[in-house]
C-alpha atoms as a PDB file:
ATOM      1  CA  UNK A   1    -128.046 114.824 142.322  1.00  0.00           C
ATOM      2  CA  UNK A   2    -130.887 112.676 141.037  1.00  0.00           C
ATOM      3  CA  UNK A   3    -132.981 113.704 138.025  1.00  0.00           C
ATOM      4  CA  UNK A   4    -135.763 114.811 140.394  1.00  0.00           C
ATOM      5  CA  UNK A   5    -133.314 116.872 142.479  1.00  0.00           C
ATOM      6  CA  UNK A   6    -131.899 118.608 139.417  1.00  0.00           C
ATOM      7  CA  UNK A   7    -135.399 119.354 138.104  1.00  0.00           C
ATOM      8  CA  UNK A   8    -136.425 120.702 141.527  1.00  0.00           C
ATOM      9  CA  UNK A   9    -133.329 122.935 141.670  1.00  0.00           C
ATOM     10  CA  UNK A  10    -134.240 124.476 138.314  1.00  0.00           C
ATOM     11  CA  UNK A  11    -137.849 124.849 139.456  1.00  0.00           C
ATOM     12  CA  UNK A  12    -136.833 126.822 142.549  1.00  0.00           C
ATOM     13  CA  UNK A  13    -134.503 129.036 140.522  1.00  0.00           C
ATOM     14  CA  UNK A  14    -137.192 129.816 137.948  1.00  0.00           C
ATOM     15  CA  UNK A  15    -140.152 130.232 140.310  1.00  0.00           C
ATOM     16  CA  UNK A  16    -138.326 133.172 141.847  1.00  0.00           C
ATOM     17  CA  UNK A  17    -138.492 134.849 138.414  1.00  0.00           C
ATOM     18  CA  UNK A  18    -142.278 134.461 138.582  1.00  0.00           C
ATOM     19  CA  UNK A  19    -142.656 136.226 141.911  1.00  0.00           C
ATOM     20  CA  UNK A  20    -142.978 132.892 143.692  1.00  0.00           C
ATOM     21  CA  UNK A  21    -146.075 131.864 141.703  1.00  0.00           C
ATOM     22  CA  UNK A  22    -145.497 128.704 139.605  1.00  0.00           C
ATOM     23  CA  UNK A  23    -148.753 129.402 137.740  1.00  0.00           C
ATOM     24  CA  UNK A  24    -147.598 132.767 136.437  1.00  0.00           C
ATOM     25  CA  UNK A  25    -145.829 131.681 133.249  1.00  0.00           C
ATOM     26  CA  UNK A  26    -147.381 134.736 131.599  1.00  0.00           C
ATOM     27  CA  UNK A  27    -144.687 136.779 133.418  1.00  0.00           C
ATOM     28  CA  UNK A  28    -141.863 134.731 131.945  1.00  0.00           C
ATOM     29  CA  UNK A  29    -139.705 136.360 129.257  1.00  0.00           C
ATOM     30  CA  UNK A  30    -137.738 134.788 126.430  1.00  0.00           C
ATOM     31  CA  UNK A  31    -134.572 135.582 128.388  1.00  0.00           C
ATOM     32  CA  UNK A  32    -135.996 133.716 131.397  1.00  0.00           C
ATOM     33  CA  UNK A  33    -136.657 130.752 129.135  1.00  0.00           C
ATOM     34  CA  UNK A  34    -133.082 130.776 127.894  1.00  0.00           C
ATOM     35  CA  UNK A  35    -131.905 131.028 131.500  1.00  0.00           C
ATOM     36  CA  UNK A  36    -133.797 127.785 132.113  1.00  0.00           C
ATOM     37  CA  UNK A  37    -131.925 126.213 129.187  1.00  0.00           C
ATOM     38  CA  UNK A  38    -128.610 127.294 130.701  1.00  0.00           C
ATOM     39  CA  UNK A  39    -129.562 125.682 134.008  1.00  0.00           C
ATOM     40  CA  UNK A  40    -130.465 122.443 132.245  1.00  0.00           C
ATOM     41  CA  UNK A  41    -127.178 122.606 130.361  1.00  0.00           C
ATOM     42  CA  UNK A  42    -125.198 123.068 133.587  1.00  0.00           C
ATOM     43  CA  UNK A  43    -126.989 120.401 135.624  1.00  0.00           C
ATOM     44  CA  UNK A  44    -127.795 117.719 133.072  1.00  0.00           C
ATOM     45  CA  UNK A  45    -125.119 118.202 130.390  1.00  0.00           C
ATOM     46  CA  UNK A  46    -122.155 119.560 132.380  1.00  0.00           C
ATOM     47  CA  UNK A  47    -122.276 122.706 130.281  1.00  0.00           C
ATOM     48  CA  UNK A  48    -121.492 120.791 127.096  1.00  0.00           C
ATOM     49  CA  UNK A  49    -124.410 122.179 125.091  1.00  0.00           C
ATOM     50  CA  UNK A  50    -123.042 125.711 125.037  1.00  0.00           C
ATOM     51  CA  UNK A  51    -119.490 124.394 124.668  1.00  0.00           C
ATOM     52  CA  UNK A  52    -120.574 122.465 121.579  1.00  0.00           C
ATOM     53  CA  UNK A  53    -122.080 125.613 120.134  1.00  0.00           C
ATOM     54  CA  UNK A  54    -121.128 128.763 122.100  1.00  0.00           C
ATOM     55  CA  UNK A  55    -123.190 130.949 119.766  1.00  0.00           C
ATOM     56  CA  UNK A  56    -126.319 128.894 120.272  1.00  0.00           C
ATOM     57  CA  UNK A  57    -128.289 131.813 121.787  1.00  0.00           C
ATOM     58  CA  UNK A  58    -127.893 133.906 118.645  1.00  0.00           C
ATOM     59  CA  UNK A  59    -128.261 130.874 116.420  1.00  0.00           C
ATOM     60  CA  UNK A  60    -131.820 130.376 117.568  1.00  0.00           C
ATOM     61  CA  UNK A  61    -133.751 132.196 114.880  1.00  0.00           C
ATOM     62  CA  UNK A  62    -136.535 132.399 117.428  1.00  0.00           C
ATOM     63  CA  UNK A  63    -136.054 130.819 120.826  1.00  0.00           C
ATOM     64  CA  UNK A  64    -138.811 131.696 123.201  1.00  0.00           C
ATOM     65  CA  UNK A  65    -142.548 132.051 123.559  1.00  0.00           C
ATOM     66  CA  UNK A  66    -145.109 132.137 120.792  1.00  0.00           C
ATOM     67  CA  UNK A  67    -148.377 134.020 121.158  1.00  0.00           C
ATOM     68  CA  UNK A  68    -150.141 131.412 119.035  1.00  0.00           C
ATOM     69  CA  UNK A  69    -152.582 128.953 120.575  1.00  0.00           C
ATOM     70  CA  UNK A  70    -151.049 126.223 118.451  1.00  0.00           C
ATOM     71  CA  UNK A  71    -148.744 123.288 119.215  1.00  0.00           C
ATOM     72  CA  UNK A  72    -147.514 123.115 122.820  1.00  0.00           C
ATOM     73  CA  UNK A  73    -143.952 123.494 121.597  1.00  0.00           C
ATOM     74  CA  UNK A  74    -142.075 123.176 118.349  1.00  0.00           C
ATOM     75  CA  UNK A  75    -138.471 122.428 117.491  1.00  0.00           C
ATOM     76  CA  UNK A  76    -137.067 123.021 114.034  1.00  0.00           C
ATOM     77  CA  UNK A  77    -134.047 124.200 112.167  1.00  0.00           C
ATOM     78  CA  UNK A  78    -133.521 126.446 109.212  1.00  0.00           C
ATOM     79  CA  UNK A  79    -130.609 126.115 106.843  1.00  0.00           C
ATOM     80  CA  UNK A  80    -128.845 129.138 105.397  1.00  0.00           C
ATOM     81  CA  UNK A  81    -128.727 129.433 101.639  1.00  0.00           C
ATOM     82  CA  UNK A  82    -124.983 128.862 101.998  1.00  0.00           C
ATOM     83  CA  UNK A  83    -125.667 125.321 103.242  1.00  0.00           C
ATOM     84  CA  UNK A  84    -124.777 122.490 100.881  1.00  0.00           C
ATOM     85  CA  UNK A  85    -127.806 120.419  99.960  1.00  0.00           C
ATOM     86  CA  UNK A  86    -127.517 116.938 101.411  1.00  0.00           C
ATOM     87  CA  UNK A  87    -124.435 117.814 103.466  1.00  0.00           C
ATOM     88  CA  UNK A  88    -125.753 120.414 105.851  1.00  0.00           C
ATOM     89  CA  UNK A  89    -123.193 121.617 108.377  1.00  0.00           C
ATOM     90  CA  UNK A  90    -123.970 122.556 111.976  1.00  0.00           C
ATOM     91  CA  UNK A  91    -122.369 125.942 111.308  1.00  0.00           C
ATOM     92  CA  UNK A  92    -125.057 126.664 108.740  1.00  0.00           C
ATOM     93  CA  UNK A  93    -128.033 125.899 110.968  1.00  0.00           C
ATOM     94  CA  UNK A  94    -130.304 128.050 113.082  1.00  0.00           C
ATOM     95  CA  UNK A  95    -132.188 126.052 115.682  1.00  0.00           C
ATOM     96  CA  UNK A  96    -135.635 127.247 116.671  1.00  0.00           C
ATOM     97  CA  UNK A  97    -137.712 126.384 119.728  1.00  0.00           C
ATOM     98  CA  UNK A  98    -141.113 127.981 120.230  1.00  0.00           C
ATOM     99  CA  UNK A  99    -143.299 127.472 123.300  1.00  0.00           C
ATOM    100  CA  UNK A 100    -147.004 128.333 123.087  1.00  0.00           C
ATOM    101  CA  UNK A 101    -147.568 130.778 125.920  1.00  0.00           C
ATOM    102  CA  UNK A 102    -151.418 130.675 125.714  1.00  0.00           C
ATOM    103  CA  UNK A 103    -151.494 126.906 126.244  1.00  0.00           C
ATOM    104  CA  UNK A 104    -149.327 127.022 129.354  1.00  0.00           C
ATOM    105  CA  UNK A 105    -151.026 130.064 130.853  1.00  0.00           C
ATOM    106  CA  UNK A 106    -154.419 128.337 130.445  1.00  0.00           C
ATOM    107  CA  UNK A 107    -153.372 125.389 132.620  1.00  0.00           C
ATOM    108  CA  UNK A 108    -154.736 125.012 136.158  1.00  0.00           C
ATOM    109  CA  UNK A 109    -157.284 127.809 135.740  1.00  0.00           C
ATOM    110  CA  UNK A 110    -160.389 125.611 135.945  1.00  0.00           C
ATOM    111  CA  UNK A 111    -158.908 122.193 136.588  1.00  0.00           C
ATOM    112  CA  UNK A 112    -156.597 121.657 139.534  1.00  0.00           C
ATOM    113  CA  UNK A 113    -155.661 118.019 139.009  1.00  0.00           C
ATOM    114  CA  UNK A 114    -152.379 116.785 137.549  1.00  0.00           C
ATOM    115  CA  UNK A 115    -151.418 117.241 133.916  1.00  0.00           C
ATOM    116  CA  UNK A 116    -149.049 114.795 132.209  1.00  0.00           C
ATOM    117  CA  UNK A 117    -146.083 115.527 129.954  1.00  0.00           C
ATOM    118  CA  UNK A 118    -143.723 112.791 128.719  1.00  0.00           C
ATOM    119  CA  UNK A 119    -145.499 110.358 131.060  1.00  0.00           C
ATOM    120  CA  UNK A 120    -144.666 112.453 134.150  1.00  0.00           C
ATOM    121  CA  UNK A 121    -147.187 114.304 136.306  1.00  0.00           C
ATOM    122  CA  UNK A 122    -146.892 118.082 136.629  1.00  0.00           C
ATOM    123  CA  UNK A 123    -148.923 120.178 139.056  1.00  0.00           C
ATOM    124  CA  UNK A 124    -148.183 123.742 137.989  1.00  0.00           C
ATOM    125  CA  UNK A 125    -147.613 125.687 134.791  1.00  0.00           C
ATOM    126  CA  UNK A 126    -143.901 125.891 135.545  1.00  0.00           C
ATOM    127  CA  UNK A 127    -143.522 122.141 136.137  1.00  0.00           C
ATOM    128  CA  UNK A 128    -145.334 121.404 132.862  1.00  0.00           C
ATOM    129  CA  UNK A 129    -143.159 123.939 131.052  1.00  0.00           C
ATOM    130  CA  UNK A 130    -139.990 122.309 132.403  1.00  0.00           C
ATOM    131  CA  UNK A 131    -141.031 118.871 131.163  1.00  0.00           C
ATOM    132  CA  UNK A 132    -141.857 120.334 127.749  1.00  0.00           C
ATOM    133  CA  UNK A 133    -138.507 122.124 127.552  1.00  0.00           C
ATOM    134  CA  UNK A 134    -136.777 118.831 128.384  1.00  0.00           C
ATOM    135  CA  UNK A 135    -138.557 117.213 125.431  1.00  0.00           C
ATOM    136  CA  UNK A 136    -137.455 119.973 123.057  1.00  0.00           C
ATOM    137  CA  UNK A 137    -133.897 119.795 124.415  1.00  0.00           C
ATOM    138  CA  UNK A 138    -133.740 116.148 123.353  1.00  0.00           C
ATOM    139  CA  UNK A 139    -134.550 117.203 119.782  1.00  0.00           C
ATOM    140  CA  UNK A 140    -131.829 119.831 119.963  1.00  0.00           C
ATOM    141  CA  UNK A 141    -129.207 117.515 121.470  1.00  0.00           C
ATOM    142  CA  UNK A 142    -129.716 114.824 118.843  1.00  0.00           C
ATOM    143  CA  UNK A 143    -129.572 117.350 116.038  1.00  0.00           C
ATOM    144  CA  UNK A 144    -126.330 118.864 117.312  1.00  0.00           C
ATOM    145  CA  UNK A 145    -124.483 115.664 118.214  1.00  0.00           C
ATOM    146  CA  UNK A 146    -126.098 112.917 116.165  1.00  0.00           C
ATOM    147  CA  UNK A 147    -128.056 114.095 113.163  1.00  0.00           C
ATOM    148  CA  UNK A 148    -127.922 110.645 111.554  1.00  0.00           C
ATOM    149  CA  UNK A 149    -129.563 109.044 114.594  1.00  0.00           C
ATOM    150  CA  UNK A 150    -132.141 111.831 114.741  1.00  0.00           C
ATOM    151  CA  UNK A 151    -133.052 111.413 111.088  1.00  0.00           C
ATOM    152  CA  UNK A 152    -133.115 107.617 111.337  1.00  0.00           C
ATOM    153  CA  UNK A 153    -135.434 107.804 114.353  1.00  0.00           C
ATOM    154  CA  UNK A 154    -137.933 110.011 112.512  1.00  0.00           C
ATOM    155  CA  UNK A 155    -138.173 112.591 115.281  1.00  0.00           C
ATOM    156  CA  UNK A 156    -139.595 110.558 118.181  1.00  0.00           C
ATOM    157  CA  UNK A 157    -138.096 107.200 117.304  1.00  0.00           C
ATOM    158  CA  UNK A 158    -135.963 104.879 119.416  1.00  0.00           C
ATOM    159  CA  UNK A 159    -132.908 107.210 119.631  1.00  0.00           C
ATOM    160  CA  UNK A 160    -135.073 110.063 120.896  1.00  0.00           C
ATOM    161  CA  UNK A 161    -136.942 107.900 123.403  1.00  0.00           C
ATOM    162  CA  UNK A 162    -133.727 106.327 124.705  1.00  0.00           C
ATOM    163  CA  UNK A 163    -132.150 109.759 125.213  1.00  0.00           C
ATOM    164  CA  UNK A 164    -135.191 111.287 126.921  1.00  0.00           C
ATOM    165  CA  UNK A 165    -135.474 108.273 129.234  1.00  0.00           C
ATOM    166  CA  UNK A 166    -131.782 108.234 130.159  1.00  0.00           C
ATOM    167  CA  UNK A 167    -131.335 111.974 130.535  1.00  0.00           C
ATOM    168  CA  UNK A 168    -134.662 113.052 132.047  1.00  0.00           C
ATOM    169  CA  UNK A 169    -136.450 109.868 133.117  1.00  0.00           C
ATOM    170  CA  UNK A 170    -139.273 110.358 130.612  1.00  0.00           C
ATOM    171  CA  UNK A 171    -141.504 107.335 130.166  1.00  0.00           C
ATOM    172  CA  UNK A 172    -143.313 108.584 127.055  1.00  0.00           C
ATOM    173  CA  UNK A 173    -142.739 111.100 124.293  1.00  0.00           C
ATOM    174  CA  UNK A 174    -146.224 112.653 124.111  1.00  0.00           C
ATOM    175  CA  UNK A 175    -147.763 115.674 125.823  1.00  0.00           C
ATOM    176  CA  UNK A 176    -151.275 115.439 127.248  1.00  0.00           C
ATOM    177  CA  UNK A 177    -151.682 119.010 128.442  1.00  0.00           C
ATOM    178  CA  UNK A 178    -155.204 120.289 128.962  1.00  0.00           C
ATOM    179  CA  UNK A 179    -156.738 116.906 129.703  1.00  0.00           C
ATOM    180  CA  UNK A 180    -156.500 117.177 133.498  1.00  0.00           C
ATOM    181  CA  UNK A 181    -156.005 113.430 133.868  1.00  0.00           C
ATOM    182  CA  UNK A 182    -156.893 111.952 137.217  1.00  0.00           C
ATOM    183  CA  UNK A 183    -154.380 109.116 136.769  1.00  0.00           C
ATOM    184  CA  UNK A 184    -151.283 108.391 134.730  1.00  0.00           C
ATOM    185  CA  UNK A 185    -152.096 107.841 131.025  1.00  0.00           C
ATOM    186  CA  UNK A 186    -151.932 104.021 131.081  1.00  0.00           C
ATOM    187  CA  UNK A 187    -154.216 103.796 134.130  1.00  0.00           C
ATOM    188  CA  UNK A 188    -156.564 106.327 132.532  1.00  0.00           C
ATOM    189  CA  UNK A 189    -156.890 104.236 129.368  1.00  0.00           C
ATOM    190  CA  UNK A 190    -157.629 101.109 131.388  1.00  0.00           C
ATOM    191  CA  UNK A 191    -160.324 103.009 133.300  1.00  0.00           C
ATOM    192  CA  UNK A 192    -161.875 104.236 130.043  1.00  0.00           C
ATOM    193  CA  UNK A 193    -162.046 100.679 128.687  1.00  0.00           C
ATOM    194  CA  UNK A 194    -163.662  99.457 131.907  1.00  0.00           C
ATOM    195  CA  UNK A 195    -166.278 102.192 132.351  1.00  0.00           C
ATOM    196  CA  UNK A 196    -167.232 103.642 128.936  1.00  0.00           C
ATOM    197  CA  UNK A 197    -169.727 101.749 126.746  1.00  0.00           C
ATOM    198  CA  UNK A 198    -171.603 102.310 123.458  1.00  0.00           C
ATOM    199  CA  UNK A 199    -174.572 104.607 123.990  1.00  0.00           C
ATOM    200  CA  UNK A 200    -172.938 106.525 126.839  1.00  0.00           C
ATOM    201  CA  UNK A 201    -172.878 110.317 126.679  1.00  0.00           C
ATOM    202  CA  UNK A 202    -169.480 111.459 127.885  1.00  0.00           C
ATOM    203  CA  UNK A 203    -167.132 114.413 127.536  1.00  0.00           C
ATOM    204  CA  UNK A 204    -164.217 114.407 125.107  1.00  0.00           C
ATOM    205  CA  UNK A 205    -161.181 116.658 125.069  1.00  0.00           C
ATOM    206  CA  UNK A 206    -161.193 118.221 121.592  1.00  0.00           C
ATOM    207  CA  UNK A 207    -157.520 118.706 120.803  1.00  0.00           C
ATOM    208  CA  UNK A 208    -158.289 120.801 117.726  1.00  0.00           C
ATOM    209  CA  UNK A 209    -159.813 123.733 119.600  1.00  0.00           C
ATOM    210  CA  UNK A 210    -158.816 122.806 123.189  1.00  0.00           C
ATOM    211  CA  UNK A 211    -162.454 122.417 124.263  1.00  0.00           C
ATOM    212  CA  UNK A 212    -164.388 119.821 126.260  1.00  0.00           C
ATOM    213  CA  UNK A 213    -167.241 118.555 124.103  1.00  0.00           C
ATOM    214  CA  UNK A 214    -170.249 116.346 124.790  1.00  0.00           C
ATOM    215  CA  UNK A 215    -169.944 113.072 122.908  1.00  0.00           C
ATOM    216  CA  UNK A 216    -172.268 110.086 122.357  1.00  0.00           C
ATOM    217  CA  UNK A 217    -170.255 106.861 122.089  1.00  0.00           C
ATOM    218  CA  UNK A 218    -171.008 104.527 119.170  1.00  0.00           C
ATOM    219  CA  UNK A 219    -168.053 102.182 119.522  1.00  0.00           C
ATOM    220  CA  UNK A 220    -164.974 101.842 121.690  1.00  0.00           C
ATOM    221  CA  UNK A 221    -161.922  99.783 120.752  1.00  0.00           C
ATOM    222  CA  UNK A 222    -158.437 101.148 120.076  1.00  0.00           C
ATOM    223  CA  UNK A 223    -160.181 104.514 119.686  1.00  0.00           C
ATOM    224  CA  UNK A 224    -163.608 105.826 120.626  1.00  0.00           C
ATOM    225  CA  UNK A 225    -165.991 106.757 117.820  1.00  0.00           C
ATOM    226  CA  UNK A 226    -169.326 108.516 117.971  1.00  0.00           C
ATOM    227  CA  UNK A 227    -171.132 111.825 117.572  1.00  0.00           C
ATOM    228  CA  UNK A 228    -169.866 115.119 118.882  1.00  0.00           C
ATOM    229  CA  UNK A 229    -173.076 116.597 120.312  1.00  0.00           C
ATOM    230  CA  UNK A 230    -171.641 120.116 120.257  1.00  0.00           C
ATOM    231  CA  UNK A 231    -171.067 120.216 116.498  1.00  0.00           C
ATOM    232  CA  UNK A 232    -173.042 117.211 115.185  1.00  0.00           C
ATOM    233  CA  UNK A 233    -169.955 115.646 113.566  1.00  0.00           C
ATOM    234  CA  UNK A 234    -169.061 111.943 113.529  1.00  0.00           C
ATOM    235  CA  UNK A 235    -165.594 111.762 115.099  1.00  0.00           C
ATOM    236  CA  UNK A 236    -163.061 109.340 116.484  1.00  0.00           C
ATOM    237  CA  UNK A 237    -160.680 110.124 119.315  1.00  0.00           C
ATOM    238  CA  UNK A 238    -157.837 108.592 121.250  1.00  0.00           C
ATOM    239  CA  UNK A 239    -158.913 106.969 124.519  1.00  0.00           C
ATOM    240  CA  UNK A 240    -156.655 109.459 126.289  1.00  0.00           C
ATOM    241  CA  UNK A 241    -159.100 112.190 125.177  1.00  0.00           C
ATOM    242  CA  UNK A 242    -162.026 110.685 127.109  1.00  0.00           C
ATOM    243  CA  UNK A 243    -162.794 112.744 130.227  1.00  0.00           C
ATOM    244  CA  UNK A 244    -163.915 110.529 133.071  1.00  0.00           C
ATOM    245  CA  UNK A 245    -166.384 111.874 135.680  1.00  0.00           C
ATOM    246  CA  UNK A 246    -163.636 112.204 138.323  1.00  0.00           C
ATOM    247  CA  UNK A 247    -161.596 114.392 135.954  1.00  0.00           C
ATOM    248  CA  UNK A 248    -164.040 117.266 135.571  1.00  0.00           C
ATOM    249  CA  UNK A 249    -162.555 119.489 138.278  1.00  0.00           C
END
């Protein structure tokens, strides 16, 4: 099966857990989320993830959903006090993956265009969740099988990007959830450069509080700078945060 076929198979398995509604991630349990991991393990890794660490389910200090409206997802590991400093063993680690439920359940409520995760379009909460889980799996895989590469790559470095591209077809390592992009990120940035000018009043996606703020542009180069008209602050934002007129619904 191709990457797309495998992803679609997992989608159809998981959407049945949501009563057939791919925008009902609020119904998903931590056990459902781990079931998704098992499906990814079977289809993409030939079951080698659980073979490498058969106790991985209990090793996750907290593997599941977070109620916090914070980062989209987080991967981390905690080391037992029995671990030897500088020579940490896999047996002494507890891997943790947390997915922010509020962020995913807020998607596609007001905006019905595509979202983008890892450079790939997603058109439902479940599709976006899958792409995010794939990203976190890459962190996990590198930490289990190649900690030196993971550390050398500083999280999202070349080893991570090579793995995510080969395994899942990801073309980027960032999430752009909540922006409701009308085009893929590169096309969006080109459109921003071509249509936004100093003095324009536009809307900006405020990543800090997940809001869409009015913004008067002072300068646009690698980033856009200007005044946030909702709070009066001078700010600078990534061009990916600029909301173009065709992206408002």
